[in-house]
Amino acid sequence: MKDVVIIDRQDITRIGIEALLAETRRTASVQHVETKAELIKRLVVNSQVAIILDYTLSDFASVDELLNVGYRFPDTRWLLFSEELTNEFLRRLVFSSEAFSVVLKSCDLDEINLGLLHLLKEDRFICARVTNQLLQTQKPASDTLDHILTATEKEILKEIALGHTTKEIAAHRNISFHTIITHRKNIFRKLEVNNIHEATKYAMRAGLVDMADYYI
């Protein structure tokens, strides 16, 4: 049984979500807040909740602000239930945190119900329309990488994405541990990523590693 918090300023949508949640018989409680500040107050008391958010009608100012709240309360699971969202917003959200699921309000009822069930089970769910949108807007990233990284940096990025440690990469390439550290810092700086998870996602989008080997 899961506690749920709904942030949606459309009364009809909120009532509809509450009715669908009741049918699942998987919720302990369903609460409603209207602002980010109200949400954070509730999360301070109990962060192990599922949050259903209409981002387009909320007072979150940016995807980074939304992600920061998610990072601050890592036990939360989110379902964005909104109208159309931009490609850049979706890419930033989906590739930065696995705590966020996305279902569009234009999806059919079966897919909305499926998204709610995944949320309550703490499984990630991305609706078909958003998945197609992301796939259609993928850059031919290997060409992009050719203009950003050196050949050596691309090879090291691939090894990082495949889960090899810095020590393993250094041994495999027969160079020093500190040289690999320097390469890694340069790769992160050039790609404007902050950690191995983000670098791995970039490598997958670039086709350096097979996306089928990972869950996005």
C-alpha atoms as a PDB file:
ATOM      1  CA  MET A   1       0.000   0.000   0.000  1.00  0.00           C
ATOM      2  CA  LYS A   2       1.380   3.377  -1.020  1.00  0.00           C
ATOM      3  CA  ASP A   3       0.761   6.962   0.087  1.00  0.00           C
ATOM      4  CA  VAL A   4       0.115   9.201  -2.918  1.00  0.00           C
ATOM      5  CA  VAL A   5       0.361  12.975  -3.307  1.00  0.00           C
ATOM      6  CA  ILE A   6      -1.345  14.626  -6.290  1.00  0.00           C
ATOM      7  CA  ILE A   7      -0.279  18.032  -7.621  1.00  0.00           C
ATOM      8  CA  ASP A   8      -2.796  18.997 -10.284  1.00  0.00           C
ATOM      9  CA  ARG A   9      -4.785  22.222 -10.370  1.00  0.00           C
ATOM     10  CA  GLN A  10      -7.484  20.812 -12.655  1.00  0.00           C
ATOM     11  CA  ASP A  11     -10.245  19.539 -10.367  1.00  0.00           C
ATOM     12  CA  ILE A  12     -11.672  17.168 -12.958  1.00  0.00           C
ATOM     13  CA  THR A  13      -8.261  15.581 -13.570  1.00  0.00           C
ATOM     14  CA  ARG A  14      -7.579  15.229  -9.853  1.00  0.00           C
ATOM     15  CA  ILE A  15     -10.951  13.584  -9.250  1.00  0.00           C
ATOM     16  CA  GLY A  16     -10.349  11.230 -12.163  1.00  0.00           C
ATOM     17  CA  ILE A  17      -6.912  10.211 -10.851  1.00  0.00           C
ATOM     18  CA  GLU A  18      -8.346   9.597  -7.387  1.00  0.00           C
ATOM     19  CA  ALA A  19     -11.021   7.338  -8.894  1.00  0.00           C
ATOM     20  CA  LEU A  20      -8.451   5.343 -10.885  1.00  0.00           C
ATOM     21  CA  LEU A  21      -6.222   5.003  -7.820  1.00  0.00           C
ATOM     22  CA  ALA A  22      -9.152   3.727  -5.759  1.00  0.00           C
ATOM     23  CA  GLU A  23      -9.736   0.983  -8.326  1.00  0.00           C
ATOM     24  CA  THR A  24      -6.166  -0.278  -7.892  1.00  0.00           C
ATOM     25  CA  ARG A  25      -6.707  -0.947  -4.168  1.00  0.00           C
ATOM     26  CA  ARG A  26      -3.003  -0.301  -3.707  1.00  0.00           C
ATOM     27  CA  THR A  27      -3.086   3.109  -1.989  1.00  0.00           C
ATOM     28  CA  ALA A  28      -2.905   3.759   1.733  1.00  0.00           C
ATOM     29  CA  SER A  29      -3.846   7.430   1.367  1.00  0.00           C
ATOM     30  CA  VAL A  30      -4.288  10.038  -1.359  1.00  0.00           C
ATOM     31  CA  GLN A  31      -3.517  13.670  -0.582  1.00  0.00           C
ATOM     32  CA  HIS A  32      -3.579  16.829  -2.665  1.00  0.00           C
ATOM     33  CA  VAL A  33      -1.256  19.850  -2.622  1.00  0.00           C
ATOM     34  CA  GLU A  34      -1.099  22.856  -4.920  1.00  0.00           C
ATOM     35  CA  THR A  35       2.447  24.195  -4.637  1.00  0.00           C
ATOM     36  CA  LYS A  36       6.036  23.028  -4.512  1.00  0.00           C
ATOM     37  CA  ALA A  37       6.396  24.467  -0.998  1.00  0.00           C
ATOM     38  CA  GLU A  38       3.432  22.424   0.257  1.00  0.00           C
ATOM     39  CA  LEU A  39       4.874  19.316  -1.331  1.00  0.00           C
ATOM     40  CA  ILE A  40       8.270  19.754   0.320  1.00  0.00           C
ATOM     41  CA  LYS A  41       6.643  20.233   3.733  1.00  0.00           C
ATOM     42  CA  ARG A  42       4.900  16.883   3.303  1.00  0.00           C
ATOM     43  CA  LEU A  43       8.034  15.172   2.072  1.00  0.00           C
ATOM     44  CA  VAL A  44       9.997  16.347   5.101  1.00  0.00           C
ATOM     45  CA  VAL A  45       7.500  14.426   7.235  1.00  0.00           C
ATOM     46  CA  ASN A  46       7.230  11.391   4.949  1.00  0.00           C
ATOM     47  CA  SER A  47       9.277  11.025   1.763  1.00  0.00           C
ATOM     48  CA  GLN A  48       8.260   7.463   0.923  1.00  0.00           C
ATOM     49  CA  VAL A  49       5.393   8.544  -1.300  1.00  0.00           C
ATOM     50  CA  ALA A  50       4.322   8.384  -4.913  1.00  0.00           C
ATOM     51  CA  ILE A  51       3.836  11.827  -6.475  1.00  0.00           C
ATOM     52  CA  ILE A  52       1.556  12.487  -9.451  1.00  0.00           C
ATOM     53  CA  LEU A  53       2.446  15.865 -10.926  1.00  0.00           C
ATOM     54  CA  ASP A  54       1.075  17.978 -13.737  1.00  0.00           C
ATOM     55  CA  TYR A  55       4.332  19.811 -14.408  1.00  0.00           C
ATOM     56  CA  THR A  56       2.835  22.266 -16.894  1.00  0.00           C
ATOM     57  CA  LEU A  57       0.388  23.608 -14.290  1.00  0.00           C
ATOM     58  CA  SER A  58       2.800  23.506 -11.342  1.00  0.00           C
ATOM     59  CA  ASP A  59       5.045  26.194  -9.904  1.00  0.00           C
ATOM     60  CA  PHE A  60       8.228  24.249 -10.613  1.00  0.00           C
ATOM     61  CA  ALA A  61      10.337  26.709 -12.597  1.00  0.00           C
ATOM     62  CA  SER A  62      12.557  24.236 -14.465  1.00  0.00           C
ATOM     63  CA  VAL A  63      13.473  20.610 -14.919  1.00  0.00           C
ATOM     64  CA  ASP A  64      16.554  21.184 -12.737  1.00  0.00           C
ATOM     65  CA  GLU A  65      14.365  22.418  -9.892  1.00  0.00           C
ATOM     66  CA  LEU A  66      12.217  19.309 -10.250  1.00  0.00           C
ATOM     67  CA  LEU A  67      15.257  17.017 -10.335  1.00  0.00           C
ATOM     68  CA  ASN A  68      16.739  18.717  -7.279  1.00  0.00           C
ATOM     69  CA  VAL A  69      13.635  17.908  -5.227  1.00  0.00           C
ATOM     70  CA  GLY A  70      13.859  14.337  -6.470  1.00  0.00           C
ATOM     71  CA  TYR A  71      17.530  14.118  -5.439  1.00  0.00           C
ATOM     72  CA  ARG A  72      16.767  15.667  -2.045  1.00  0.00           C
ATOM     73  CA  PHE A  73      14.094  13.026  -1.352  1.00  0.00           C
ATOM     74  CA  PRO A  74      15.444   9.858  -3.028  1.00  0.00           C
ATOM     75  CA  ASP A  75      12.673   7.631  -1.639  1.00  0.00           C
ATOM     76  CA  THR A  76      10.030   9.423  -3.686  1.00  0.00           C
ATOM     77  CA  ARG A  77       8.690   8.073  -6.969  1.00  0.00           C
ATOM     78  CA  TRP A  78       7.157  10.440  -9.497  1.00  0.00           C
ATOM     79  CA  LEU A  79       4.655  10.204 -12.314  1.00  0.00           C
ATOM     80  CA  LEU A  80       4.484  13.266 -14.531  1.00  0.00           C
ATOM     81  CA  PHE A  81       0.930  13.383 -15.859  1.00  0.00           C
ATOM     82  CA  SER A  82       0.856  16.407 -18.139  1.00  0.00           C
ATOM     83  CA  GLU A  83       0.011  17.759 -21.539  1.00  0.00           C
ATOM     84  CA  GLU A  84       2.747  17.865 -24.185  1.00  0.00           C
ATOM     85  CA  LEU A  85       6.287  18.308 -22.830  1.00  0.00           C
ATOM     86  CA  THR A  86       9.274  19.556 -24.805  1.00  0.00           C
ATOM     87  CA  ASN A  87      11.909  17.204 -26.155  1.00  0.00           C
ATOM     88  CA  GLU A  88      14.669  18.938 -24.212  1.00  0.00           C
ATOM     89  CA  PHE A  89      12.705  18.713 -20.956  1.00  0.00           C
ATOM     90  CA  LEU A  90      11.972  15.022 -21.482  1.00  0.00           C
ATOM     91  CA  ARG A  91      15.557  14.155 -22.396  1.00  0.00           C
ATOM     92  CA  ARG A  92      16.917  15.972 -19.356  1.00  0.00           C
ATOM     93  CA  LEU A  93      14.413  14.328 -17.018  1.00  0.00           C
ATOM     94  CA  VAL A  94      14.464  10.786 -18.375  1.00  0.00           C
ATOM     95  CA  PHE A  95      18.237  10.505 -18.712  1.00  0.00           C
ATOM     96  CA  SER A  96      19.011  12.128 -15.352  1.00  0.00           C
ATOM     97  CA  SER A  97      16.874  10.142 -12.905  1.00  0.00           C
ATOM     98  CA  GLU A  98      15.054   6.815 -12.944  1.00  0.00           C
ATOM     99  CA  ALA A  99      12.659   8.007 -10.224  1.00  0.00           C
ATOM    100  CA  PHE A 100      10.494   9.775 -12.819  1.00  0.00           C
ATOM    101  CA  SER A 101       7.822   8.137 -14.965  1.00  0.00           C
ATOM    102  CA  VAL A 102       5.922  10.004 -17.669  1.00  0.00           C
ATOM    103  CA  VAL A 103       2.381   9.585 -19.017  1.00  0.00           C
ATOM    104  CA  LEU A 104       0.683  12.181 -21.177  1.00  0.00           C
ATOM    105  CA  LYS A 105      -2.914  13.193 -20.511  1.00  0.00           C
ATOM    106  CA  SER A 106      -3.676  12.391 -24.140  1.00  0.00           C
ATOM    107  CA  CYS A 107      -2.818   8.703 -23.599  1.00  0.00           C
ATOM    108  CA  ASP A 108      -5.640   6.178 -23.636  1.00  0.00           C
ATOM    109  CA  LEU A 109      -7.127   4.932 -20.370  1.00  0.00           C
ATOM    110  CA  ASP A 110      -5.370   1.564 -20.448  1.00  0.00           C
ATOM    111  CA  GLU A 111      -1.955   3.221 -20.666  1.00  0.00           C
ATOM    112  CA  ILE A 112      -2.798   5.701 -17.906  1.00  0.00           C
ATOM    113  CA  ASN A 113      -3.855   2.825 -15.664  1.00  0.00           C
ATOM    114  CA  LEU A 114      -0.652   0.977 -16.516  1.00  0.00           C
ATOM    115  CA  GLY A 115       1.396   4.038 -15.574  1.00  0.00           C
ATOM    116  CA  LEU A 116      -0.384   4.300 -12.210  1.00  0.00           C
ATOM    117  CA  LEU A 117       0.194   0.610 -11.455  1.00  0.00           C
ATOM    118  CA  HIS A 118       3.893   0.878 -12.258  1.00  0.00           C
ATOM    119  CA  LEU A 119       4.147   3.949 -10.044  1.00  0.00           C
ATOM    120  CA  LEU A 120       2.547   2.182  -7.091  1.00  0.00           C
ATOM    121  CA  LYS A 121       4.889  -0.785  -7.580  1.00  0.00           C
ATOM    122  CA  GLU A 122       7.858   1.655  -7.760  1.00  0.00           C
ATOM    123  CA  ASP A 123       8.623   0.572 -11.309  1.00  0.00           C
ATOM    124  CA  ARG A 124       9.491   3.094 -13.960  1.00  0.00           C
ATOM    125  CA  PHE A 125       7.041   3.663 -16.825  1.00  0.00           C
ATOM    126  CA  ILE A 126       7.383   5.845 -19.914  1.00  0.00           C
ATOM    127  CA  CYS A 127       4.325   5.986 -22.152  1.00  0.00           C
ATOM    128  CA  ALA A 128       4.613   4.990 -25.817  1.00  0.00           C
ATOM    129  CA  ARG A 129       4.200   8.526 -27.148  1.00  0.00           C
ATOM    130  CA  VAL A 130       7.038   9.891 -25.021  1.00  0.00           C
ATOM    131  CA  THR A 131       9.254   6.909 -25.876  1.00  0.00           C
ATOM    132  CA  ASN A 132       8.671   7.486 -29.594  1.00  0.00           C
ATOM    133  CA  GLN A 133       9.229  11.208 -29.165  1.00  0.00           C
ATOM    134  CA  LEU A 134      12.600  10.601 -27.518  1.00  0.00           C
ATOM    135  CA  LEU A 135      13.690   8.021 -30.077  1.00  0.00           C
ATOM    136  CA  GLN A 136      12.754  10.245 -33.011  1.00  0.00           C
ATOM    137  CA  THR A 137      14.752  13.163 -31.625  1.00  0.00           C
ATOM    138  CA  GLN A 138      17.931  11.245 -30.806  1.00  0.00           C
ATOM    139  CA  LYS A 139      20.907  12.971 -32.359  1.00  0.00           C
ATOM    140  CA  PRO A 140      23.195  10.930 -34.599  1.00  0.00           C
ATOM    141  CA  ALA A 141      25.458  11.215 -31.633  1.00  0.00           C
ATOM    142  CA  SER A 142      28.481   9.404 -32.896  1.00  0.00           C
ATOM    143  CA  ASP A 143      28.991  12.269 -35.365  1.00  0.00           C
ATOM    144  CA  THR A 144      28.484  14.739 -32.522  1.00  0.00           C
ATOM    145  CA  LEU A 145      31.051  12.962 -30.363  1.00  0.00           C
ATOM    146  CA  ASP A 146      33.614  13.137 -33.182  1.00  0.00           C
ATOM    147  CA  HIS A 147      33.530  16.916 -32.808  1.00  0.00           C
ATOM    148  CA  ILE A 148      33.662  16.872 -28.999  1.00  0.00           C
ATOM    149  CA  LEU A 149      35.941  14.031 -27.892  1.00  0.00           C
ATOM    150  CA  THR A 150      39.249  12.718 -29.140  1.00  0.00           C
ATOM    151  CA  ALA A 151      39.442   9.116 -30.342  1.00  0.00           C
ATOM    152  CA  THR A 152      41.064   8.100 -27.052  1.00  0.00           C
ATOM    153  CA  GLU A 153      38.390   9.859 -25.016  1.00  0.00           C
ATOM    154  CA  LYS A 154      35.643   8.081 -26.986  1.00  0.00           C
ATOM    155  CA  GLU A 155      37.261   4.723 -26.254  1.00  0.00           C
ATOM    156  CA  ILE A 156      37.553   5.535 -22.553  1.00  0.00           C
ATOM    157  CA  LEU A 157      33.941   6.758 -22.445  1.00  0.00           C
ATOM    158  CA  LYS A 158      32.862   3.435 -23.919  1.00  0.00           C
ATOM    159  CA  GLU A 159      34.777   1.523 -21.254  1.00  0.00           C
ATOM    160  CA  ILE A 160      33.267   3.705 -18.515  1.00  0.00           C
ATOM    161  CA  ALA A 161      29.780   3.048 -19.921  1.00  0.00           C
ATOM    162  CA  LEU A 162      30.449  -0.695 -19.937  1.00  0.00           C
ATOM    163  CA  GLY A 163      31.091  -0.549 -16.213  1.00  0.00           C
ATOM    164  CA  HIS A 164      34.876  -0.786 -16.153  1.00  0.00           C
ATOM    165  CA  THR A 165      36.568   0.875 -13.193  1.00  0.00           C
ATOM    166  CA  THR A 166      39.292   3.493 -13.543  1.00  0.00           C
ATOM    167  CA  LYS A 167      41.849   0.953 -12.346  1.00  0.00           C
ATOM    168  CA  GLU A 168      40.664  -1.617 -14.907  1.00  0.00           C
ATOM    169  CA  ILE A 169      40.757   0.905 -17.759  1.00  0.00           C
ATOM    170  CA  ALA A 170      44.289   1.960 -16.796  1.00  0.00           C
ATOM    171  CA  ALA A 171      45.491  -1.656 -16.691  1.00  0.00           C
ATOM    172  CA  HIS A 172      43.811  -2.491 -19.993  1.00  0.00           C
ATOM    173  CA  ARG A 173      45.365   0.499 -21.747  1.00  0.00           C
ATOM    174  CA  ASN A 174      48.692   0.130 -19.945  1.00  0.00           C
ATOM    175  CA  ILE A 175      48.721   3.729 -18.745  1.00  0.00           C
ATOM    176  CA  SER A 176      48.641   5.278 -15.293  1.00  0.00           C
ATOM    177  CA  PHE A 177      45.598   5.493 -13.050  1.00  0.00           C
ATOM    178  CA  HIS A 178      46.030   9.282 -12.833  1.00  0.00           C
ATOM    179  CA  THR A 179      46.038   9.617 -16.629  1.00  0.00           C
ATOM    180  CA  ILE A 180      42.653   7.900 -16.801  1.00  0.00           C
ATOM    181  CA  ILE A 181      41.366  10.209 -14.047  1.00  0.00           C
ATOM    182  CA  THR A 182      42.453  13.202 -16.159  1.00  0.00           C
ATOM    183  CA  HIS A 183      40.789  11.767 -19.275  1.00  0.00           C
ATOM    184  CA  ARG A 184      37.598  11.138 -17.319  1.00  0.00           C
ATOM    185  CA  LYS A 185      37.522  14.711 -16.000  1.00  0.00           C
ATOM    186  CA  ASN A 186      38.009  16.046 -19.529  1.00  0.00           C
ATOM    187  CA  ILE A 187      35.238  13.784 -20.883  1.00  0.00           C
ATOM    188  CA  PHE A 188      32.784  14.901 -18.198  1.00  0.00           C
ATOM    189  CA  ARG A 189      33.677  18.555 -18.798  1.00  0.00           C
ATOM    190  CA  LYS A 190      33.288  18.327 -22.579  1.00  0.00           C
ATOM    191  CA  LEU A 191      29.992  16.427 -22.389  1.00  0.00           C
ATOM    192  CA  GLU A 192      28.720  18.672 -19.576  1.00  0.00           C
ATOM    193  CA  VAL A 193      27.837  15.682 -17.388  1.00  0.00           C
ATOM    194  CA  ASN A 194      28.434  15.320 -13.669  1.00  0.00           C
ATOM    195  CA  ASN A 195      28.713  11.608 -12.985  1.00  0.00           C
ATOM    196  CA  ILE A 196      29.189   8.134 -14.483  1.00  0.00           C
ATOM    197  CA  HIS A 197      25.421   7.588 -14.779  1.00  0.00           C
ATOM    198  CA  GLU A 198      24.991  10.671 -16.986  1.00  0.00           C
ATOM    199  CA  ALA A 199      28.092   9.778 -19.019  1.00  0.00           C
ATOM    200  CA  THR A 200      26.716   6.272 -19.591  1.00  0.00           C
ATOM    201  CA  LYS A 201      23.411   7.664 -20.842  1.00  0.00           C
ATOM    202  CA  TYR A 202      25.303   9.924 -23.230  1.00  0.00           C
ATOM    203  CA  ALA A 203      27.333   6.957 -24.500  1.00  0.00           C
ATOM    204  CA  MET A 204      24.118   5.007 -25.115  1.00  0.00           C
ATOM    205  CA  ARG A 205      22.597   7.883 -27.066  1.00  0.00           C
ATOM    206  CA  ALA A 206      25.832   8.094 -29.063  1.00  0.00           C
ATOM    207  CA  GLY A 207      25.651   4.420 -29.965  1.00  0.00           C
ATOM    208  CA  LEU A 208      28.958   3.610 -28.260  1.00  0.00           C
ATOM    209  CA  VAL A 209      27.164   0.894 -26.305  1.00  0.00           C
ATOM    210  CA  ASP A 210      23.955  -0.979 -27.059  1.00  0.00           C
ATOM    211  CA  MET A 211      20.919   0.678 -25.468  1.00  0.00           C
ATOM    212  CA  ALA A 212      19.256  -2.748 -25.290  1.00  0.00           C
ATOM    213  CA  ASP A 213      21.703  -3.668 -22.536  1.00  0.00           C
ATOM    214  CA  TYR A 214      20.306  -0.963 -20.258  1.00  0.00           C
ATOM    215  CA  TYR A 215      16.926   0.051 -18.853  1.00  0.00           C
ATOM    216  CA  ILE A 216      16.042   3.677 -19.552  1.00  0.00           C
END
